[in-house]
Amino acid sequence: MRADDPLTASFGRVLAAEGISNFGSMLSRVAIPWIATLALAATPLAMGGLVVADVLAGALGAVLLAGSIDRAGKRAVMLGCDLLRAAVFALLALLAWQGGLTLPLLVAAAAANGLLTVGFEMARSAWVAQRVEARRLPQCNAKLSMAGSVSEAAAFALGGWVFQWTGAAIALAVDASSFAFSAACLRGVPETAPVVACEMQADVPAEAPLTPLDRLIGDARAGLRTVLAQPALCALAAIEVLLALGSSLAATSYMIFVARDVGFSPGTLGMIFATGALGAVAGAALAPWLGRRLGPGRAMALGLTLAALGAACIPLVAASGLLGGALLVAHQIIGDAGRSLHDVVDRTLRQTAAPAALLARTDAGLRTAGQLATLVGAIAGGALAAAVGTRSSLWLSAALIAGAAGVAAVTLERRRLDQPA
C-alpha cells in the first residue's frame, strides 16, 4: 500500500488492534492452562475440559454471531468483543488476587474468551475482505499474520515470567489491559458499508416475519450452502477438521508433558514459545510469493508438512536439558512457519471464495466444522493421554496434521490467491 493511500491508516489501526488483541488471546490461553496445571493440579481430563469450554463456546459463537456480524458494522463488533474480554479478565484477575480462583471459574473464562475471540476474528476478517481489494488481500493477510506472530511471541515471553515472578493475578490483569488497548486502536477506523444481498434464510414465505430461530437456522444454512457450493471451500473444511483434531489432541497433553512430565519451568517455556515468532514471521512473509508460485494447494501442503514435522519434535523430548529445549525450539520455529504459511493462504481463500454479504457466515461454517472436531479431539485426547500417556497422544497429533497436508496436496485446485469469487 502507498503511504498516501487512505486505506493505509485504517488498515494500520486494524493491524495494531489485531496484534494487541492477539497478545491478549495468547496470554490468556497460556495463563489459564498454567494456572490449572500448576496451581490447581488439573488432570489431563480437566485440561481437556478447559479446551472443550473454549472450543464449544467458539463453535456456538460462530453459529450464533455470524449472521449478526454480516449484517452489523464490523468495527463495532471488534470493539465490543475487545471491551467484553477486558471486563472478563479484569474480574478474573480480581478473583485471583483474592484467592478465589477455582477450576469452574477458569472453565467459564475460557468459554467467554473462546466466544469473544471468534467474534473478533470473524469481524476482522470480514472488515479486511470488504475494505481491501482482492489483489491486496494476500499481502494484507500476511501482515496480519506477522503481527499476530510477533504478539504471540511477546505474550509467551512475557507471560511465562510474569506468571512465574508475580503470580496469576498480575498475568490476568496484563491480559485484561491488552484488550482495552486493542479497543483504543480501533478509534478512527471507518465502519464497513452494509452489503445488500439475498439473505438465503430458512425456507419460510418471503412475507412471513422471521423469528430469531428462523434467522439463526437461515444463517447456518447460508454458510453451509456457500461452503458446499465451492470445491475449494469443501477442501478447506476437510483440512480444518484434520488440523483441529491434531491441534486439540496436542492441547490436552502439551502443557502437562513439557511442564509436569519433562519438567521445564514456566519462564523457560515462555522463552521457548517466543522463538516461534521467527518461523511464523518468515512463513507469513513468504506466503504471498509461495501462493503465487506453487498455487494454494501445494503452498498449503508445504505449510502443513512443516507443521507436522514441528509437531513430531515434541514427543522426541526426553528431559529438560539442552537437547530437549532444542527440540521444543525446533517445534516452535519449523511448526509455526508452516502454520503461518497455511493460515495466510487459508484466510485469503476464504475471503475470495465467499460472497461479500456472507463472509462471516461462510467463515462460521468452516470454523464450526473445525471447532466440533476440536471438541471431539479434546474429549478423546484427555482420555487417550490418561490411558496411554501424553507422549503417545502427541505422536497422534503430528500424524493428523500430516494427513491435513495430504488433503491439501490432492484436493485444492490451482487458482490464484487474489482471484475473487
Protein backbone atom coordinates (compact mmCIF):
# COMPACT_ATOMS: atom_id res chain seq x y z
CA MET A 1 0.00 0.00 0.00
CA ARG A 2 1.17 3.58 -0.73
CA ALA A 3 1.75 5.87 2.22
CA ASP A 4 -0.82 8.33 0.85
CA ASP A 5 -3.44 5.62 0.34
CA PRO A 6 -6.48 6.39 2.57
CA LEU A 7 -6.73 2.69 3.34
CA THR A 8 -3.21 2.58 4.79
CA ALA A 9 -4.01 4.39 8.04
CA SER A 10 -7.23 2.46 8.59
CA PHE A 11 -5.60 -0.89 7.94
CA GLY A 12 -2.70 0.12 10.19
CA ARG A 13 -5.11 0.67 13.07
CA VAL A 14 -6.78 -2.69 12.45
CA LEU A 15 -3.33 -4.27 12.22
CA ALA A 16 -2.38 -2.79 15.58
CA ALA A 17 -5.66 -3.91 17.13
CA GLU A 18 -5.11 -7.42 15.74
CA GLY A 19 -1.63 -7.61 17.20
CA ILE A 20 -2.61 -6.35 20.64
CA SER A 21 -5.83 -8.38 20.74
CA ASN A 22 -3.90 -11.50 19.73
CA PHE A 23 -1.40 -10.75 22.50
CA GLY A 24 -4.28 -10.88 24.98
CA SER A 25 -5.74 -14.04 23.47
CA MET A 26 -2.40 -15.85 23.53
CA LEU A 27 -1.58 -14.67 27.04
CA SER A 28 -4.93 -15.95 28.32
CA ARG A 29 -4.51 -19.28 26.54
CA VAL A 30 -1.15 -19.71 28.24
CA ALA A 31 -2.04 -18.31 31.67
CA ILE A 32 -5.23 -20.34 32.11
CA PRO A 33 -3.57 -23.73 31.44
CA TRP A 34 -0.63 -22.78 33.67
CA ILE A 35 -2.98 -21.83 36.50
CA ALA A 36 -4.89 -25.09 36.02
CA THR A 37 -1.73 -27.21 35.79
CA LEU A 38 0.49 -25.69 38.47
CA ALA A 39 -1.91 -24.00 40.91
CA LEU A 40 -4.97 -26.27 40.74
CA ALA A 41 -3.21 -29.58 39.87
CA ALA A 42 -5.58 -30.28 36.97
CA THR A 43 -5.67 -33.78 35.47
CA PRO A 44 -5.48 -34.45 31.71
CA LEU A 45 -9.27 -34.82 31.68
CA ALA A 46 -9.64 -31.46 33.42
CA MET A 47 -7.29 -29.87 30.90
CA GLY A 48 -9.45 -31.37 28.20
CA GLY A 49 -12.42 -29.70 29.86
CA LEU A 50 -10.75 -26.30 29.51
CA VAL A 51 -10.19 -26.91 25.81
CA VAL A 52 -13.78 -28.14 25.43
CA ALA A 53 -15.15 -24.99 27.09
CA ASP A 54 -13.09 -22.71 24.85
CA VAL A 55 -13.92 -24.61 21.68
CA LEU A 56 -17.60 -25.27 22.37
CA ALA A 57 -18.16 -21.61 23.16
CA GLY A 58 -16.30 -20.67 19.97
CA ALA A 59 -18.39 -23.08 17.90
CA LEU A 60 -21.64 -21.77 19.36
CA GLY A 61 -20.43 -18.21 18.95
CA ALA A 62 -19.60 -18.76 15.28
CA VAL A 63 -23.11 -20.07 14.63
CA LEU A 64 -24.94 -17.53 16.78
CA LEU A 65 -22.94 -14.44 15.82
CA ALA A 66 -22.14 -14.97 12.13
CA GLY A 67 -25.36 -13.61 10.67
CA SER A 68 -25.36 -10.63 13.00
CA ILE A 69 -21.73 -9.87 12.11
CA ASP A 70 -22.57 -9.97 8.38
CA ARG A 71 -25.41 -7.52 8.94
CA ALA A 72 -23.64 -5.32 11.52
CA GLY A 73 -20.72 -2.94 11.37
CA LYS A 74 -17.51 -4.95 11.59
CA ARG A 75 -15.66 -2.27 13.55
CA ALA A 76 -18.43 -2.16 16.15
CA VAL A 77 -18.24 -5.93 16.62
CA MET A 78 -14.45 -5.87 17.06
CA LEU A 79 -14.74 -3.05 19.58
CA GLY A 80 -17.46 -4.81 21.59
CA CYS A 81 -15.54 -8.10 21.72
CA ASP A 82 -12.40 -6.35 22.98
CA LEU A 83 -14.21 -4.47 25.73
CA LEU A 84 -16.06 -7.57 26.93
CA ARG A 85 -12.85 -9.60 27.06
CA ALA A 86 -11.18 -6.84 29.06
CA ALA A 87 -14.02 -6.99 31.57
CA VAL A 88 -13.90 -10.80 31.85
CA PHE A 89 -10.16 -10.95 32.58
CA ALA A 90 -10.23 -7.96 34.90
CA LEU A 91 -12.80 -9.81 37.00
CA LEU A 92 -10.73 -13.00 36.85
CA ALA A 93 -7.63 -11.06 37.98
CA LEU A 94 -9.56 -9.68 40.95
CA LEU A 95 -10.65 -13.18 41.95
CA ALA A 96 -7.07 -14.44 41.62
CA TRP A 97 -5.85 -11.56 43.82
CA GLN A 98 -8.38 -12.56 46.49
CA GLY A 99 -7.51 -16.26 46.25
CA GLY A 100 -10.89 -17.20 44.85
CA LEU A 101 -9.90 -18.91 41.61
CA THR A 102 -11.39 -22.35 41.00
CA LEU A 103 -11.41 -24.70 38.04
CA PRO A 104 -15.09 -23.93 37.21
CA LEU A 105 -14.23 -20.22 37.06
CA LEU A 106 -11.34 -20.95 34.71
CA VAL A 107 -13.68 -23.00 32.53
CA ALA A 108 -16.15 -20.09 32.40
CA ALA A 109 -13.36 -17.65 31.49
CA ALA A 110 -12.07 -20.00 28.79
CA ALA A 111 -15.59 -20.22 27.34
CA ALA A 112 -16.04 -16.43 27.33
CA ASN A 113 -12.64 -15.96 25.74
CA GLY A 114 -13.41 -18.54 23.05
CA LEU A 115 -16.74 -16.95 22.11
CA LEU A 116 -15.48 -13.36 22.03
CA THR A 117 -12.23 -14.22 20.23
CA VAL A 118 -14.16 -15.95 17.44
CA GLY A 119 -16.44 -12.92 17.14
CA PHE A 120 -13.47 -10.55 16.89
CA GLU A 121 -11.68 -12.71 14.31
CA MET A 122 -14.73 -13.15 12.06
CA ALA A 123 -15.45 -9.41 12.15
CA ARG A 124 -11.82 -8.54 11.44
CA SER A 125 -11.62 -10.95 8.51
CA ALA A 126 -14.87 -9.59 7.04
CA TRP A 127 -13.68 -5.97 7.51
CA VAL A 128 -10.48 -6.72 5.58
CA ALA A 129 -12.32 -8.58 2.82
CA GLN A 130 -14.77 -5.70 2.33
CA ARG A 131 -12.30 -2.81 2.61
CA VAL A 132 -9.28 -4.26 0.76
CA GLU A 133 -9.06 -5.06 -2.96
CA ALA A 134 -8.72 -8.74 -3.82
CA ARG A 135 -5.25 -8.24 -5.31
CA ARG A 136 -4.03 -6.78 -1.98
CA LEU A 137 -5.51 -9.50 0.24
CA PRO A 138 -2.50 -11.86 0.32
CA GLN A 139 -0.16 -9.05 1.39
CA CYS A 140 -2.60 -7.69 3.98
CA ASN A 141 -3.25 -11.15 5.39
CA ALA A 142 0.49 -11.77 5.56
CA LYS A 143 0.92 -8.56 7.59
CA LEU A 144 -1.90 -9.60 9.92
CA SER A 145 -0.29 -13.00 10.37
CA MET A 146 3.10 -11.45 11.11
CA ALA A 147 1.57 -9.05 13.64
CA GLY A 148 -0.16 -11.99 15.31
CA SER A 149 3.07 -13.96 15.40
CA VAL A 150 5.07 -11.14 16.96
CA SER A 151 2.38 -10.50 19.56
CA GLU A 152 2.16 -14.24 20.28
CA ALA A 153 5.91 -14.36 20.89
CA ALA A 154 5.67 -11.35 23.20
CA ALA A 155 2.78 -12.96 25.08
CA PHE A 156 4.68 -16.20 25.58
CA ALA A 157 7.95 -14.50 26.54
CA LEU A 158 6.30 -12.04 28.92
CA GLY A 159 3.55 -14.33 30.17
CA GLY A 160 5.83 -17.07 31.41
CA TRP A 161 7.99 -14.76 33.52
CA VAL A 162 5.09 -12.62 34.74
CA PHE A 163 3.25 -15.74 35.87
CA GLN A 164 6.39 -17.21 37.48
CA TRP A 165 7.51 -13.99 39.23
CA THR A 166 4.25 -12.22 40.12
CA GLY A 167 1.56 -14.89 40.04
CA ALA A 168 -1.74 -15.37 38.30
CA ALA A 169 -3.40 -12.09 39.31
CA ILE A 170 -0.85 -9.81 37.62
CA ALA A 171 -0.72 -12.01 34.50
CA LEU A 172 -4.51 -11.82 34.18
CA ALA A 173 -4.50 -8.04 34.78
CA VAL A 174 -1.96 -7.59 31.97
CA ASP A 175 -4.25 -9.72 29.82
CA ALA A 176 -7.26 -7.51 30.57
CA SER A 177 -5.36 -4.30 29.80
CA SER A 178 -4.23 -5.65 26.41
CA PHE A 179 -7.84 -5.95 25.24
CA ALA A 180 -8.55 -2.40 26.39
CA PHE A 181 -5.56 -1.14 24.36
CA SER A 182 -6.78 -3.10 21.33
CA ALA A 183 -10.15 -1.36 21.57
CA ALA A 184 -8.41 2.01 21.70
CA CYS A 185 -6.57 1.22 18.45
CA LEU A 186 -9.90 0.91 16.63
CA ARG A 187 -10.70 4.59 17.12
CA GLY A 188 -10.86 6.27 13.72
CA VAL A 189 -11.28 3.03 11.77
CA PRO A 190 -14.06 3.52 9.19
CA GLU A 191 -17.08 1.29 9.53
CA THR A 192 -17.95 -1.14 6.73
CA ALA A 193 -20.82 -0.23 4.46
CA PRO A 194 -23.85 -2.55 4.54
CA VAL A 195 -23.90 -5.21 1.82
CA VAL A 196 -27.29 -5.93 0.28
CA ALA A 197 -27.78 -9.49 -0.98
CA CYS A 198 -30.14 -12.41 -0.74
CA GLU A 199 -30.13 -13.49 2.90
CA MET A 200 -30.72 -17.17 2.00
CA GLN A 201 -32.80 -17.56 5.12
CA ALA A 202 -34.80 -20.54 6.28
CA ASP A 203 -37.47 -21.91 3.97
CA VAL A 204 -40.31 -19.66 5.08
CA PRO A 205 -42.59 -17.47 2.93
CA ALA A 206 -40.92 -14.21 1.94
CA GLU A 207 -43.73 -12.16 3.50
CA ALA A 208 -43.60 -14.02 6.83
CA PRO A 209 -41.70 -12.24 9.64
CA LEU A 210 -38.55 -14.10 10.63
CA THR A 211 -38.35 -15.27 14.21
CA PRO A 212 -34.91 -15.35 15.88
CA LEU A 213 -34.86 -19.12 15.43
CA ASP A 214 -35.75 -18.81 11.73
CA ARG A 215 -32.96 -16.30 11.25
CA LEU A 216 -30.45 -18.46 13.11
CA ILE A 217 -31.35 -21.53 11.05
CA GLY A 218 -31.22 -19.48 7.86
CA ASP A 219 -27.81 -18.07 8.73
CA ALA A 220 -26.42 -21.54 9.39
CA ARG A 221 -27.87 -22.84 6.11
CA ALA A 222 -26.48 -19.88 4.19
CA GLY A 223 -22.97 -20.57 5.44
CA LEU A 224 -23.27 -24.31 4.81
CA ARG A 225 -24.62 -23.82 1.28
CA THR A 226 -21.81 -21.44 0.42
CA VAL A 227 -19.20 -23.93 1.60
CA LEU A 228 -20.79 -26.85 -0.27
CA ALA A 229 -21.11 -24.80 -3.46
CA GLN A 230 -17.35 -24.15 -3.68
CA PRO A 231 -14.95 -27.12 -4.10
CA ALA A 232 -12.12 -25.02 -2.64
CA LEU A 233 -14.16 -24.32 0.49
CA CYS A 234 -15.07 -28.01 0.85
CA ALA A 235 -11.36 -28.83 0.75
CA LEU A 236 -10.67 -26.16 3.37
CA ALA A 237 -13.36 -27.72 5.59
CA ALA A 238 -11.69 -31.15 5.41
CA ILE A 239 -8.29 -29.62 6.18
CA GLU A 240 -9.81 -27.63 9.05
CA VAL A 241 -11.22 -30.81 10.62
CA LEU A 242 -7.95 -32.77 10.46
CA LEU A 243 -5.91 -29.83 11.69
CA ALA A 244 -8.34 -29.20 14.53
CA LEU A 245 -8.23 -32.83 15.62
CA GLY A 246 -4.44 -32.79 15.69
CA SER A 247 -4.23 -29.46 17.49
CA SER A 248 -6.77 -30.41 20.15
CA LEU A 249 -5.00 -33.67 20.92
CA ALA A 250 -1.82 -31.68 21.49
CA ALA A 251 -3.63 -29.05 23.57
CA THR A 252 -4.77 -31.58 26.16
CA SER A 253 -1.28 -33.06 26.58
CA TYR A 254 1.35 -30.48 25.67
CA MET A 255 1.47 -28.37 28.84
CA ILE A 256 1.32 -31.43 31.10
CA PHE A 257 4.04 -33.13 29.06
CA VAL A 258 6.54 -30.24 28.98
CA ALA A 259 5.82 -28.70 32.40
CA ARG A 260 5.00 -31.70 34.57
CA ASP A 261 6.33 -34.83 32.84
CA VAL A 262 9.56 -33.35 31.44
CA GLY A 263 9.98 -30.55 33.99
CA PHE A 264 10.52 -27.24 32.15
CA SER A 265 9.75 -24.13 34.24
CA PRO A 266 7.11 -21.60 33.12
CA GLY A 267 9.71 -18.91 32.47
CA THR A 268 11.85 -21.20 30.32
CA LEU A 269 8.82 -22.43 28.42
CA GLY A 270 7.72 -18.85 27.77
CA MET A 271 11.08 -18.08 26.17
CA ILE A 272 10.92 -21.27 24.10
CA PHE A 273 7.40 -20.42 22.93
CA ALA A 274 8.58 -16.96 21.91
CA THR A 275 11.04 -18.41 19.38
CA GLY A 276 8.09 -19.48 17.26
CA ALA A 277 7.80 -15.86 16.07
CA LEU A 278 10.96 -16.34 14.00
CA GLY A 279 9.40 -19.09 11.94
CA ALA A 280 5.93 -17.55 11.91
CA VAL A 281 7.13 -14.21 10.54
CA ALA A 282 9.17 -15.99 7.86
CA GLY A 283 6.22 -18.19 6.88
CA ALA A 284 3.85 -15.23 6.64
CA ALA A 285 6.33 -13.13 4.67
CA LEU A 286 6.84 -15.92 2.11
CA ALA A 287 3.17 -16.91 1.88
CA PRO A 288 2.05 -14.47 -0.87
CA TRP A 289 5.02 -15.39 -3.08
CA LEU A 290 4.65 -19.14 -2.45
CA GLY A 291 0.91 -18.93 -3.07
CA ARG A 292 1.52 -17.40 -6.50
CA ARG A 293 4.48 -19.65 -7.31
CA LEU A 294 3.09 -23.01 -6.17
CA GLY A 295 -0.65 -22.44 -6.15
CA PRO A 296 -2.69 -22.53 -2.95
CA GLY A 297 -2.93 -26.33 -2.75
CA ARG A 298 0.79 -27.00 -2.82
CA ALA A 299 1.57 -23.94 -0.70
CA MET A 300 -0.84 -25.14 1.99
CA ALA A 301 0.53 -28.69 1.73
CA LEU A 302 4.06 -27.36 2.25
CA GLY A 303 2.96 -25.35 5.27
CA LEU A 304 1.13 -28.25 6.87
CA THR A 305 4.05 -30.62 6.22
CA LEU A 306 6.32 -28.24 8.10
CA ALA A 307 3.72 -28.04 10.88
CA ALA A 308 3.63 -31.84 11.13
CA LEU A 309 7.44 -32.07 11.26
CA GLY A 310 7.47 -29.47 14.02
CA ALA A 311 4.79 -31.35 15.97
CA ALA A 312 6.82 -34.56 15.71
CA CYS A 313 9.69 -32.87 17.59
CA ILE A 314 7.65 -32.62 20.81
CA PRO A 315 7.30 -36.32 21.75
CA LEU A 316 11.01 -36.80 21.00
CA VAL A 317 11.87 -34.73 24.10
CA ALA A 318 13.19 -36.97 26.87
CA ALA A 319 14.40 -34.49 29.50
CA SER A 320 14.51 -30.77 30.29
CA GLY A 321 18.11 -30.40 29.16
CA LEU A 322 19.74 -28.74 26.18
CA LEU A 323 18.59 -31.34 23.66
CA GLY A 324 15.02 -31.24 24.95
CA GLY A 325 15.00 -27.45 24.73
CA ALA A 326 16.43 -27.57 21.20
CA LEU A 327 13.66 -29.93 20.09
CA LEU A 328 10.99 -27.66 21.53
CA VAL A 329 12.60 -24.66 19.81
CA ALA A 330 12.63 -26.63 16.54
CA HIS A 331 8.94 -27.34 17.01
CA GLN A 332 8.25 -23.64 17.51
CA ILE A 333 10.28 -22.37 14.53
CA ILE A 334 9.50 -25.09 11.97
CA GLY A 335 5.93 -25.71 13.07
CA ASP A 336 4.99 -22.03 13.37
CA ALA A 337 6.50 -21.26 9.96
CA GLY A 338 4.30 -23.94 8.45
CA ARG A 339 1.17 -22.89 10.31
CA SER A 340 1.69 -19.26 9.37
CA LEU A 341 2.09 -20.14 5.70
CA HIS A 342 -1.07 -22.26 5.84
CA ASP A 343 -3.04 -19.58 7.69
CA VAL A 344 -2.33 -16.81 5.17
CA VAL A 345 -3.33 -18.97 2.20
CA ASP A 346 -6.36 -20.36 4.02
CA ARG A 347 -7.61 -16.91 5.09
CA THR A 348 -7.24 -15.48 1.59
CA LEU A 349 -9.13 -18.38 0.01
CA ARG A 350 -11.98 -17.91 2.48
CA GLN A 351 -12.20 -14.20 1.74
CA THR A 352 -12.19 -14.56 -2.04
CA ALA A 353 -14.41 -17.64 -2.41
CA ALA A 354 -17.42 -16.29 -0.49
CA PRO A 355 -19.87 -13.50 -1.45
CA ALA A 356 -19.31 -10.25 0.44
CA ALA A 357 -22.70 -10.47 2.20
CA LEU A 358 -21.93 -13.96 3.51
CA LEU A 359 -18.31 -13.61 4.60
CA ALA A 360 -18.88 -14.18 8.31
CA ARG A 361 -21.42 -16.96 7.78
CA THR A 362 -19.08 -18.81 5.43
CA ASP A 363 -16.22 -18.34 7.88
CA ALA A 364 -18.53 -19.58 10.65
CA GLY A 365 -19.37 -22.73 8.70
CA LEU A 366 -15.70 -23.59 8.33
CA ARG A 367 -14.90 -22.64 11.90
CA THR A 368 -17.78 -24.70 13.27
CA ALA A 369 -16.54 -27.80 11.44
CA GLY A 370 -13.10 -27.29 12.94
CA GLN A 371 -14.40 -26.48 16.40
CA LEU A 372 -16.62 -29.55 16.53
CA ALA A 373 -13.58 -31.61 15.52
CA THR A 374 -11.60 -29.84 18.25
CA LEU A 375 -14.31 -30.76 20.74
CA VAL A 376 -14.05 -34.42 19.76
CA GLY A 377 -10.27 -34.25 19.89
CA ALA A 378 -10.25 -32.59 23.32
CA ILE A 379 -12.52 -35.24 24.82
CA ALA A 380 -10.66 -38.10 23.12
CA GLY A 381 -7.29 -36.51 23.85
CA GLY A 382 -7.91 -36.28 27.58
CA ALA A 383 -8.98 -39.93 27.71
CA LEU A 384 -6.13 -41.04 25.45
CA ALA A 385 -3.47 -39.20 27.45
CA ALA A 386 -4.81 -40.66 30.68
CA ALA A 387 -4.81 -44.18 29.19
CA VAL A 388 -1.58 -44.36 27.17
CA GLY A 389 0.35 -41.25 28.19
CA THR A 390 0.87 -37.76 26.86
CA ARG A 391 3.73 -38.78 24.56
CA SER A 392 1.56 -41.16 22.52
CA SER A 393 -1.16 -38.54 22.24
CA LEU A 394 1.38 -36.06 20.85
CA TRP A 395 2.55 -38.57 18.20
CA LEU A 396 -1.04 -39.00 17.01
CA SER A 397 -1.39 -35.21 16.82
CA ALA A 398 1.56 -34.98 14.42
CA ALA A 399 0.10 -37.76 12.25
CA LEU A 400 -3.25 -35.96 11.88
CA ILE A 401 -1.54 -32.72 10.82
CA ALA A 402 0.39 -34.71 8.21
CA GLY A 403 -2.96 -36.06 6.97
CA ALA A 404 -4.19 -32.47 6.52
CA ALA A 405 -1.12 -31.79 4.36
CA GLY A 406 -2.05 -34.73 2.15
CA VAL A 407 -5.60 -33.45 1.69
CA ALA A 408 -4.32 -30.01 0.68
CA ALA A 409 -1.95 -31.52 -1.87
CA VAL A 410 -4.57 -33.62 -3.67
CA THR A 411 -7.82 -31.63 -3.42
CA LEU A 412 -7.24 -27.90 -3.85
CA GLU A 413 -7.29 -26.64 -7.39
CA ARG A 414 -4.51 -24.43 -8.70
CA ARG A 415 -6.11 -20.99 -8.55
CA ARG A 416 -4.68 -17.59 -7.88
CA LEU A 417 -4.89 -16.39 -4.29
CA ASP A 418 -6.18 -12.97 -5.35
CA GLN A 419 -8.92 -14.36 -7.60
CA PRO A 420 -12.28 -13.00 -6.34
CA ALA A 421 -15.42 -15.09 -6.13
